[in-house]
């Protein structure tokens, strides 16, 4: 019974954080620009630039702009996941609550995933309308499932960012610097294999790099990405996602222990 109560408390905290994130998103329309409007503009520009470049240029346009929507929401949302508590003065009380703070952050990041998927869906619909038909995807069901998994890899990055953002007051600076670097470094805009080889180890440190390469292998016949192919990409995406989530959990545990011992995070 005690275990069931603990699980219910954690689920309720996650749901409450998710619900509050939805209400805050609706109350602050500025989030519509980076998550749902800007990606559509980029998608339309890509479509016009590469119109007729091949049977799969639509897939490139949708993947690039869709990932921009989802990553932008994940990056800024994850920073705000802890930044809002710091700004409102609720960080220490929330961490001292019986439910681990990680579950509160997970609820907020879940909304980032959902809103990112909505933004990606809007990009898809707009491009399909402009192009007059859907892109040629050999395995639509597998593509959709893998697309959702790529969102999970993005969420893992968001969670670990939210964890480390507790230790810095420069989250906004990191977000502004990291946004476009991440678009390029993970292959949102074009395959990572087109970048200089020396940049590949850095790119492969991020789970979405593996997921996006696997997505292109699945959706674009004849695609040549990393040499280990689709299944190697998928295994790498799963492994790095697990590592990110594990590290984030350890960081949040350290933060909670520090707050319980010191009573505040004033030195950060």
C-alpha atoms as a PDB file:
ATOM      1  CA  UNK A   1       0.000   0.000   0.000  1.00  0.00           C
ATOM      2  CA  UNK A   2       2.832   2.409   0.860  1.00  0.00           C
ATOM      3  CA  UNK A   3       4.480   1.723  -2.510  1.00  0.00           C
ATOM      4  CA  UNK A   4       1.203   2.358  -4.306  1.00  0.00           C
ATOM      5  CA  UNK A   5       0.785   5.665  -2.447  1.00  0.00           C
ATOM      6  CA  UNK A   6       4.299   6.775  -3.419  1.00  0.00           C
ATOM      7  CA  UNK A   7       3.683   5.930  -7.076  1.00  0.00           C
ATOM      8  CA  UNK A   8       0.368   7.779  -7.000  1.00  0.00           C
ATOM      9  CA  UNK A   9       2.035  10.832  -5.475  1.00  0.00           C
ATOM     10  CA  UNK A  10       4.686  10.871  -8.180  1.00  0.00           C
ATOM     11  CA  UNK A  11       2.129  10.401 -10.953  1.00  0.00           C
ATOM     12  CA  UNK A  12      -0.031  13.163  -9.493  1.00  0.00           C
ATOM     13  CA  UNK A  13       2.944  15.531  -9.276  1.00  0.00           C
ATOM     14  CA  UNK A  14       3.902  14.808 -12.878  1.00  0.00           C
ATOM     15  CA  UNK A  15       0.329  15.390 -14.044  1.00  0.00           C
ATOM     16  CA  UNK A  16       0.064  18.634 -12.038  1.00  0.00           C
ATOM     17  CA  UNK A  17       3.318  19.933 -13.554  1.00  0.00           C
ATOM     18  CA  UNK A  18       2.110  18.964 -17.032  1.00  0.00           C
ATOM     19  CA  UNK A  19      -1.235  20.704 -16.515  1.00  0.00           C
ATOM     20  CA  UNK A  20       0.419  23.862 -15.182  1.00  0.00           C
ATOM     21  CA  UNK A  21       2.784  23.922 -18.176  1.00  0.00           C
ATOM     22  CA  UNK A  22      -0.175  23.766 -20.564  1.00  0.00           C
ATOM     23  CA  UNK A  23      -1.896  26.662 -18.791  1.00  0.00           C
ATOM     24  CA  UNK A  24       1.285  28.752 -18.818  1.00  0.00           C
ATOM     25  CA  UNK A  25       1.798  28.035 -22.516  1.00  0.00           C
ATOM     26  CA  UNK A  26      -1.734  29.169 -23.335  1.00  0.00           C
ATOM     27  CA  UNK A  27      -1.357  32.266 -21.159  1.00  0.00           C
ATOM     28  CA  UNK A  28       1.881  33.357 -22.847  1.00  0.00           C
ATOM     29  CA  UNK A  29       1.450  33.431 -26.661  1.00  0.00           C
ATOM     30  CA  UNK A  30       5.133  34.261 -27.280  1.00  0.00           C
ATOM     31  CA  UNK A  31       5.877  30.519 -27.203  1.00  0.00           C
ATOM     32  CA  UNK A  32       3.843  30.114 -30.401  1.00  0.00           C
ATOM     33  CA  UNK A  33       6.582  31.882 -32.393  1.00  0.00           C
ATOM     34  CA  UNK A  34       9.575  29.539 -31.751  1.00  0.00           C
ATOM     35  CA  UNK A  35       7.540  26.344 -31.454  1.00  0.00           C
ATOM     36  CA  UNK A  36       4.893  26.611 -34.169  1.00  0.00           C
ATOM     37  CA  UNK A  37       5.306  29.662 -36.417  1.00  0.00           C
ATOM     38  CA  UNK A  38       9.053  29.915 -37.096  1.00  0.00           C
ATOM     39  CA  UNK A  39       9.387  26.216 -38.104  1.00  0.00           C
ATOM     40  CA  UNK A  40       6.608  26.636 -40.676  1.00  0.00           C
ATOM     41  CA  UNK A  41       8.463  29.614 -42.183  1.00  0.00           C
ATOM     42  CA  UNK A  42      11.713  27.594 -42.347  1.00  0.00           C
ATOM     43  CA  UNK A  43       9.859  24.658 -43.888  1.00  0.00           C
ATOM     44  CA  UNK A  44       8.343  26.834 -46.603  1.00  0.00           C
ATOM     45  CA  UNK A  45      11.739  28.387 -47.378  1.00  0.00           C
ATOM     46  CA  UNK A  46      13.344  24.919 -47.604  1.00  0.00           C
ATOM     47  CA  UNK A  47      10.516  23.729 -49.818  1.00  0.00           C
ATOM     48  CA  UNK A  48      10.952  26.611 -52.269  1.00  0.00           C
ATOM     49  CA  UNK A  49      14.746  26.340 -52.291  1.00  0.00           C
ATOM     50  CA  UNK A  50      14.819  22.617 -53.011  1.00  0.00           C
ATOM     51  CA  UNK A  51      11.611  22.220 -54.988  1.00  0.00           C
ATOM     52  CA  UNK A  52      12.079  19.449 -57.521  1.00  0.00           C
ATOM     53  CA  UNK A  53      15.470  18.422 -56.145  1.00  0.00           C
ATOM     54  CA  UNK A  54      14.380  14.783 -55.961  1.00  0.00           C
ATOM     55  CA  UNK A  55      11.598  12.490 -54.776  1.00  0.00           C
ATOM     56  CA  UNK A  56      12.559  12.831 -51.117  1.00  0.00           C
ATOM     57  CA  UNK A  57      13.223  16.544 -50.761  1.00  0.00           C
ATOM     58  CA  UNK A  58       9.833  16.866 -49.029  1.00  0.00           C
ATOM     59  CA  UNK A  59      11.020  14.463 -46.340  1.00  0.00           C
ATOM     60  CA  UNK A  60      14.149  16.568 -45.763  1.00  0.00           C
ATOM     61  CA  UNK A  61      12.070  19.763 -45.492  1.00  0.00           C
ATOM     62  CA  UNK A  62       9.610  18.207 -43.026  1.00  0.00           C
ATOM     63  CA  UNK A  63      12.304  16.565 -40.901  1.00  0.00           C
ATOM     64  CA  UNK A  64      14.428  19.707 -40.724  1.00  0.00           C
ATOM     65  CA  UNK A  65      11.642  22.139 -39.850  1.00  0.00           C
ATOM     66  CA  UNK A  66       9.832  19.638 -37.629  1.00  0.00           C
ATOM     67  CA  UNK A  67      12.969  19.015 -35.596  1.00  0.00           C
ATOM     68  CA  UNK A  68      13.510  22.770 -35.295  1.00  0.00           C
ATOM     69  CA  UNK A  69      10.062  23.088 -33.753  1.00  0.00           C
ATOM     70  CA  UNK A  70      10.627  20.263 -31.316  1.00  0.00           C
ATOM     71  CA  UNK A  71      14.185  21.150 -30.358  1.00  0.00           C
ATOM     72  CA  UNK A  72      13.370  24.828 -29.864  1.00  0.00           C
ATOM     73  CA  UNK A  73      10.526  23.909 -27.540  1.00  0.00           C
ATOM     74  CA  UNK A  74      12.656  21.337 -25.712  1.00  0.00           C
ATOM     75  CA  UNK A  75      15.657  23.640 -25.245  1.00  0.00           C
ATOM     76  CA  UNK A  76      13.728  26.652 -23.997  1.00  0.00           C
ATOM     77  CA  UNK A  77      11.168  24.585 -22.126  1.00  0.00           C
ATOM     78  CA  UNK A  78      13.826  22.611 -20.287  1.00  0.00           C
ATOM     79  CA  UNK A  79      15.604  25.784 -19.254  1.00  0.00           C
ATOM     80  CA  UNK A  80      12.349  27.213 -18.004  1.00  0.00           C
ATOM     81  CA  UNK A  81      11.559  23.929 -16.233  1.00  0.00           C
ATOM     82  CA  UNK A  82      13.899  24.944 -13.414  1.00  0.00           C
ATOM     83  CA  UNK A  83      14.244  28.637 -14.270  1.00  0.00           C
ATOM     84  CA  UNK A  84      10.610  29.325 -13.440  1.00  0.00           C
ATOM     85  CA  UNK A  85      11.079  27.967  -9.915  1.00  0.00           C
ATOM     86  CA  UNK A  86      14.237  30.034  -9.487  1.00  0.00           C
ATOM     87  CA  UNK A  87      12.468  33.178 -10.702  1.00  0.00           C
ATOM     88  CA  UNK A  88       9.362  32.654  -8.580  1.00  0.00           C
ATOM     89  CA  UNK A  89      11.339  31.594  -5.509  1.00  0.00           C
ATOM     90  CA  UNK A  90       9.753  28.151  -5.413  1.00  0.00           C
ATOM     91  CA  UNK A  91      12.813  26.051  -6.281  1.00  0.00           C
ATOM     92  CA  UNK A  92      13.863  25.123  -2.746  1.00  0.00           C
ATOM     93  CA  UNK A  93      10.302  24.473  -1.438  1.00  0.00           C
ATOM     94  CA  UNK A  94       9.530  22.319  -4.471  1.00  0.00           C
ATOM     95  CA  UNK A  95      12.733  20.308  -4.075  1.00  0.00           C
ATOM     96  CA  UNK A  96      11.995  19.829  -0.349  1.00  0.00           C
ATOM     97  CA  UNK A  97       8.568  18.365  -1.141  1.00  0.00           C
ATOM     98  CA  UNK A  98       8.100  14.597  -0.540  1.00  0.00           C
ATOM     99  CA  UNK A  99       7.911  13.885  -4.279  1.00  0.00           C
ATOM    100  CA  UNK A 100      11.330  13.947  -6.008  1.00  0.00           C
ATOM    101  CA  UNK A 101      11.821  17.113  -8.042  1.00  0.00           C
ATOM    102  CA  UNK A 102      12.652  14.996 -11.096  1.00  0.00           C
ATOM    103  CA  UNK A 103       8.965  14.098 -11.498  1.00  0.00           C
ATOM    104  CA  UNK A 104       7.985  17.766 -11.552  1.00  0.00           C
ATOM    105  CA  UNK A 105      10.541  18.437 -14.296  1.00  0.00           C
ATOM    106  CA  UNK A 106       9.379  15.360 -16.221  1.00  0.00           C
ATOM    107  CA  UNK A 107       5.834  16.753 -16.248  1.00  0.00           C
ATOM    108  CA  UNK A 108       7.077  20.018 -17.720  1.00  0.00           C
ATOM    109  CA  UNK A 109       9.292  18.307 -20.279  1.00  0.00           C
ATOM    110  CA  UNK A 110       6.361  16.064 -21.285  1.00  0.00           C
ATOM    111  CA  UNK A 111       4.470  19.155 -22.329  1.00  0.00           C
ATOM    112  CA  UNK A 112       7.495  20.221 -24.370  1.00  0.00           C
ATOM    113  CA  UNK A 113       7.323  16.855 -26.138  1.00  0.00           C
ATOM    114  CA  UNK A 114       3.599  17.195 -26.798  1.00  0.00           C
ATOM    115  CA  UNK A 115       3.805  20.787 -28.014  1.00  0.00           C
ATOM    116  CA  UNK A 116       6.814  19.861 -30.151  1.00  0.00           C
ATOM    117  CA  UNK A 117       4.828  17.059 -31.764  1.00  0.00           C
ATOM    118  CA  UNK A 118       1.994  19.500 -32.406  1.00  0.00           C
ATOM    119  CA  UNK A 119       4.450  21.901 -34.028  1.00  0.00           C
ATOM    120  CA  UNK A 120       5.878  19.072 -36.132  1.00  0.00           C
ATOM    121  CA  UNK A 121       2.354  18.086 -37.138  1.00  0.00           C
ATOM    122  CA  UNK A 122       1.598  21.649 -38.222  1.00  0.00           C
ATOM    123  CA  UNK A 123       4.772  21.698 -40.342  1.00  0.00           C
ATOM    124  CA  UNK A 124       3.750  18.408 -41.962  1.00  0.00           C
ATOM    125  CA  UNK A 125       0.227  19.603 -42.780  1.00  0.00           C
ATOM    126  CA  UNK A 126       1.424  22.918 -44.237  1.00  0.00           C
ATOM    127  CA  UNK A 127       4.075  21.274 -46.440  1.00  0.00           C
ATOM    128  CA  UNK A 128       1.628  18.615 -47.656  1.00  0.00           C
ATOM    129  CA  UNK A 129      -0.896  21.322 -48.605  1.00  0.00           C
ATOM    130  CA  UNK A 130       1.727  23.409 -50.420  1.00  0.00           C
ATOM    131  CA  UNK A 131       3.221  20.383 -52.193  1.00  0.00           C
ATOM    132  CA  UNK A 132      -0.171  18.981 -53.122  1.00  0.00           C
ATOM    133  CA  UNK A 133       0.487  15.590 -51.541  1.00  0.00           C
ATOM    134  CA  UNK A 134       2.335  13.732 -48.771  1.00  0.00           C
ATOM    135  CA  UNK A 135       6.037  12.838 -49.008  1.00  0.00           C
ATOM    136  CA  UNK A 136       7.071   9.440 -50.328  1.00  0.00           C
ATOM    137  CA  UNK A 137       7.750   7.385 -47.193  1.00  0.00           C
ATOM    138  CA  UNK A 138       8.212   3.614 -47.683  1.00  0.00           C
ATOM    139  CA  UNK A 139       7.139   2.730 -44.125  1.00  0.00           C
ATOM    140  CA  UNK A 140       4.733   5.381 -42.744  1.00  0.00           C
ATOM    141  CA  UNK A 141       3.934   3.489 -39.516  1.00  0.00           C
ATOM    142  CA  UNK A 142       7.591   2.857 -38.704  1.00  0.00           C
ATOM    143  CA  UNK A 143       8.373   6.477 -39.592  1.00  0.00           C
ATOM    144  CA  UNK A 144       5.699   7.776 -37.181  1.00  0.00           C
ATOM    145  CA  UNK A 145       6.864   5.519 -34.332  1.00  0.00           C
ATOM    146  CA  UNK A 146      10.516   6.414 -34.829  1.00  0.00           C
ATOM    147  CA  UNK A 147       9.593  10.100 -35.064  1.00  0.00           C
ATOM    148  CA  UNK A 148       7.993   9.882 -31.614  1.00  0.00           C
ATOM    149  CA  UNK A 149      11.081   8.093 -30.309  1.00  0.00           C
ATOM    150  CA  UNK A 150      13.276  10.898 -31.629  1.00  0.00           C
ATOM    151  CA  UNK A 151      11.127  13.208 -29.505  1.00  0.00           C
ATOM    152  CA  UNK A 152      11.995  11.022 -26.501  1.00  0.00           C
ATOM    153  CA  UNK A 153      15.695  11.476 -27.284  1.00  0.00           C
ATOM    154  CA  UNK A 154      15.135  15.231 -27.405  1.00  0.00           C
ATOM    155  CA  UNK A 155      13.310  15.045 -24.080  1.00  0.00           C
ATOM    156  CA  UNK A 156      16.281  13.238 -22.526  1.00  0.00           C
ATOM    157  CA  UNK A 157      18.496  16.154 -23.551  1.00  0.00           C
ATOM    158  CA  UNK A 158      15.913  18.539 -22.104  1.00  0.00           C
ATOM    159  CA  UNK A 159      15.844  16.713 -18.769  1.00  0.00           C
ATOM    160  CA  UNK A 160      19.625  16.722 -18.370  1.00  0.00           C
ATOM    161  CA  UNK A 161      19.771  20.408 -19.340  1.00  0.00           C
ATOM    162  CA  UNK A 162      17.114  21.185 -16.741  1.00  0.00           C
ATOM    163  CA  UNK A 163      19.179  19.322 -14.157  1.00  0.00           C
ATOM    164  CA  UNK A 164      22.404  21.212 -14.862  1.00  0.00           C
ATOM    165  CA  UNK A 165      20.570  24.549 -15.247  1.00  0.00           C
ATOM    166  CA  UNK A 166      20.058  24.454 -11.484  1.00  0.00           C
ATOM    167  CA  UNK A 167      23.786  25.114 -11.135  1.00  0.00           C
ATOM    168  CA  UNK A 168      23.919  28.167 -13.383  1.00  0.00           C
ATOM    169  CA  UNK A 169      22.205  31.498 -13.767  1.00  0.00           C
ATOM    170  CA  UNK A 170      23.199  31.659 -17.436  1.00  0.00           C
ATOM    171  CA  UNK A 171      20.562  29.272 -18.753  1.00  0.00           C
ATOM    172  CA  UNK A 172      19.215  31.917 -21.145  1.00  0.00           C
ATOM    173  CA  UNK A 173      22.677  32.531 -22.584  1.00  0.00           C
ATOM    174  CA  UNK A 174      23.264  28.799 -23.062  1.00  0.00           C
ATOM    175  CA  UNK A 175      19.902  28.440 -24.790  1.00  0.00           C
ATOM    176  CA  UNK A 176      20.549  31.271 -27.247  1.00  0.00           C
ATOM    177  CA  UNK A 177      24.026  29.974 -28.086  1.00  0.00           C
ATOM    178  CA  UNK A 178      23.010  26.338 -28.268  1.00  0.00           C
ATOM    179  CA  UNK A 179      19.867  26.556 -30.389  1.00  0.00           C
ATOM    180  CA  UNK A 180      21.334  26.872 -33.883  1.00  0.00           C
ATOM    181  CA  UNK A 181      24.505  24.974 -32.976  1.00  0.00           C
ATOM    182  CA  UNK A 182      22.281  22.050 -32.025  1.00  0.00           C
ATOM    183  CA  UNK A 183      20.285  22.307 -35.268  1.00  0.00           C
ATOM    184  CA  UNK A 184      23.509  21.828 -37.217  1.00  0.00           C
ATOM    185  CA  UNK A 185      25.371  19.501 -34.873  1.00  0.00           C
ATOM    186  CA  UNK A 186      22.631  16.864 -34.560  1.00  0.00           C
ATOM    187  CA  UNK A 187      21.613  16.810 -38.210  1.00  0.00           C
ATOM    188  CA  UNK A 188      18.306  18.649 -37.973  1.00  0.00           C
ATOM    189  CA  UNK A 189      19.058  20.755 -41.032  1.00  0.00           C
ATOM    190  CA  UNK A 190      21.211  18.275 -42.984  1.00  0.00           C
ATOM    191  CA  UNK A 191      22.952  14.930 -42.293  1.00  0.00           C
ATOM    192  CA  UNK A 192      25.856  15.081 -39.864  1.00  0.00           C
ATOM    193  CA  UNK A 193      28.018  13.074 -42.283  1.00  0.00           C
ATOM    194  CA  UNK A 194      28.259  16.229 -44.413  1.00  0.00           C
ATOM    195  CA  UNK A 195      30.113  18.022 -41.603  1.00  0.00           C
ATOM    196  CA  UNK A 196      33.899  17.725 -41.118  1.00  0.00           C
ATOM    197  CA  UNK A 197      34.797  14.358 -39.606  1.00  0.00           C
ATOM    198  CA  UNK A 198      36.323  15.925 -36.488  1.00  0.00           C
ATOM    199  CA  UNK A 199      32.880  17.191 -35.470  1.00  0.00           C
ATOM    200  CA  UNK A 200      31.279  13.729 -35.508  1.00  0.00           C
ATOM    201  CA  UNK A 201      32.347  12.667 -31.988  1.00  0.00           C
ATOM    202  CA  UNK A 202      30.714  15.804 -30.571  1.00  0.00           C
ATOM    203  CA  UNK A 203      27.547  15.213 -32.568  1.00  0.00           C
ATOM    204  CA  UNK A 204      27.355  11.567 -31.497  1.00  0.00           C
ATOM    205  CA  UNK A 205      27.333  12.634 -27.847  1.00  0.00           C
ATOM    206  CA  UNK A 206      23.716  13.739 -28.373  1.00  0.00           C
ATOM    207  CA  UNK A 207      20.946  11.101 -28.647  1.00  0.00           C
ATOM    208  CA  UNK A 208      18.964  12.963 -31.375  1.00  0.00           C
ATOM    209  CA  UNK A 209      21.942  12.654 -33.749  1.00  0.00           C
ATOM    210  CA  UNK A 210      21.542   8.868 -33.740  1.00  0.00           C
ATOM    211  CA  UNK A 211      17.746   9.065 -33.905  1.00  0.00           C
ATOM    212  CA  UNK A 212      17.659  11.473 -36.845  1.00  0.00           C
ATOM    213  CA  UNK A 213      20.152   9.407 -38.820  1.00  0.00           C
ATOM    214  CA  UNK A 214      18.024   6.297 -38.192  1.00  0.00           C
ATOM    215  CA  UNK A 215      14.944   8.237 -39.283  1.00  0.00           C
ATOM    216  CA  UNK A 216      16.577   9.138 -42.584  1.00  0.00           C
ATOM    217  CA  UNK A 217      17.687   5.540 -43.143  1.00  0.00           C
ATOM    218  CA  UNK A 218      14.079   4.434 -42.623  1.00  0.00           C
ATOM    219  CA  UNK A 219      12.405   7.073 -44.773  1.00  0.00           C
ATOM    220  CA  UNK A 220      14.857   7.736 -47.618  1.00  0.00           C
ATOM    221  CA  UNK A 221      15.813   4.722 -49.780  1.00  0.00           C
ATOM    222  CA  UNK A 222      19.491   4.730 -50.661  1.00  0.00           C
ATOM    223  CA  UNK A 223      20.391   7.151 -47.879  1.00  0.00           C
ATOM    224  CA  UNK A 224      24.046   6.913 -46.816  1.00  0.00           C
ATOM    225  CA  UNK A 225      24.607   8.092 -43.275  1.00  0.00           C
ATOM    226  CA  UNK A 226      26.827   6.604 -40.602  1.00  0.00           C
ATOM    227  CA  UNK A 227      28.466   3.375 -41.665  1.00  0.00           C
ATOM    228  CA  UNK A 228      26.789   1.208 -39.029  1.00  0.00           C
ATOM    229  CA  UNK A 229      23.374   1.656 -40.666  1.00  0.00           C
ATOM    230  CA  UNK A 230      19.833   1.814 -39.296  1.00  0.00           C
ATOM    231  CA  UNK A 231      20.101  -0.719 -36.466  1.00  0.00           C
ATOM    232  CA  UNK A 232      23.389   0.726 -35.267  1.00  0.00           C
ATOM    233  CA  UNK A 233      21.785   4.170 -35.159  1.00  0.00           C
ATOM    234  CA  UNK A 234      18.800   2.820 -33.253  1.00  0.00           C
ATOM    235  CA  UNK A 235      20.992   1.046 -30.703  1.00  0.00           C
ATOM    236  CA  UNK A 236      23.081   4.187 -30.255  1.00  0.00           C
ATOM    237  CA  UNK A 237      19.976   6.337 -29.772  1.00  0.00           C
ATOM    238  CA  UNK A 238      18.599   4.003 -27.085  1.00  0.00           C
ATOM    239  CA  UNK A 239      21.946   3.718 -25.281  1.00  0.00           C
ATOM    240  CA  UNK A 240      22.679   7.466 -25.204  1.00  0.00           C
ATOM    241  CA  UNK A 241      19.090   8.260 -24.145  1.00  0.00           C
ATOM    242  CA  UNK A 242      19.391   5.857 -21.195  1.00  0.00           C
ATOM    243  CA  UNK A 243      22.725   7.434 -20.220  1.00  0.00           C
ATOM    244  CA  UNK A 244      21.276  10.958 -20.355  1.00  0.00           C
ATOM    245  CA  UNK A 245      18.251  10.055 -18.247  1.00  0.00           C
ATOM    246  CA  UNK A 246      20.432   8.228 -15.723  1.00  0.00           C
ATOM    247  CA  UNK A 247      22.830  11.155 -15.375  1.00  0.00           C
ATOM    248  CA  UNK A 248      19.910  13.574 -15.010  1.00  0.00           C
ATOM    249  CA  UNK A 249      18.459  11.425 -12.225  1.00  0.00           C
ATOM    250  CA  UNK A 250      21.794  11.416 -10.381  1.00  0.00           C
ATOM    251  CA  UNK A 251      22.135  15.201 -10.728  1.00  0.00           C
ATOM    252  CA  UNK A 252      18.650  15.816  -9.358  1.00  0.00           C
ATOM    253  CA  UNK A 253      19.366  13.496  -6.433  1.00  0.00           C
ATOM    254  CA  UNK A 254      22.496  15.524  -5.656  1.00  0.00           C
ATOM    255  CA  UNK A 255      20.524  18.780  -5.873  1.00  0.00           C
ATOM    256  CA  UNK A 256      17.839  17.461  -3.526  1.00  0.00           C
ATOM    257  CA  UNK A 257      20.421  16.256  -1.027  1.00  0.00           C
ATOM    258  CA  UNK A 258      22.152  19.641  -1.115  1.00  0.00           C
ATOM    259  CA  UNK A 259      18.895  21.506  -0.461  1.00  0.00           C
ATOM    260  CA  UNK A 260      17.991  19.206   2.409  1.00  0.00           C
ATOM    261  CA  UNK A 261      21.405  19.757   3.962  1.00  0.00           C
ATOM    262  CA  UNK A 262      21.792  23.513   3.344  1.00  0.00           C
ATOM    263  CA  UNK A 263      18.175  24.624   3.019  1.00  0.00           C
ATOM    264  CA  UNK A 264      18.799  26.700  -0.131  1.00  0.00           C
ATOM    265  CA  UNK A 265      20.650  27.019  -3.435  1.00  0.00           C
ATOM    266  CA  UNK A 266      21.728  30.609  -2.921  1.00  0.00           C
ATOM    267  CA  UNK A 267      25.328  29.967  -3.978  1.00  0.00           C
ATOM    268  CA  UNK A 268      24.239  28.937  -7.478  1.00  0.00           C
END
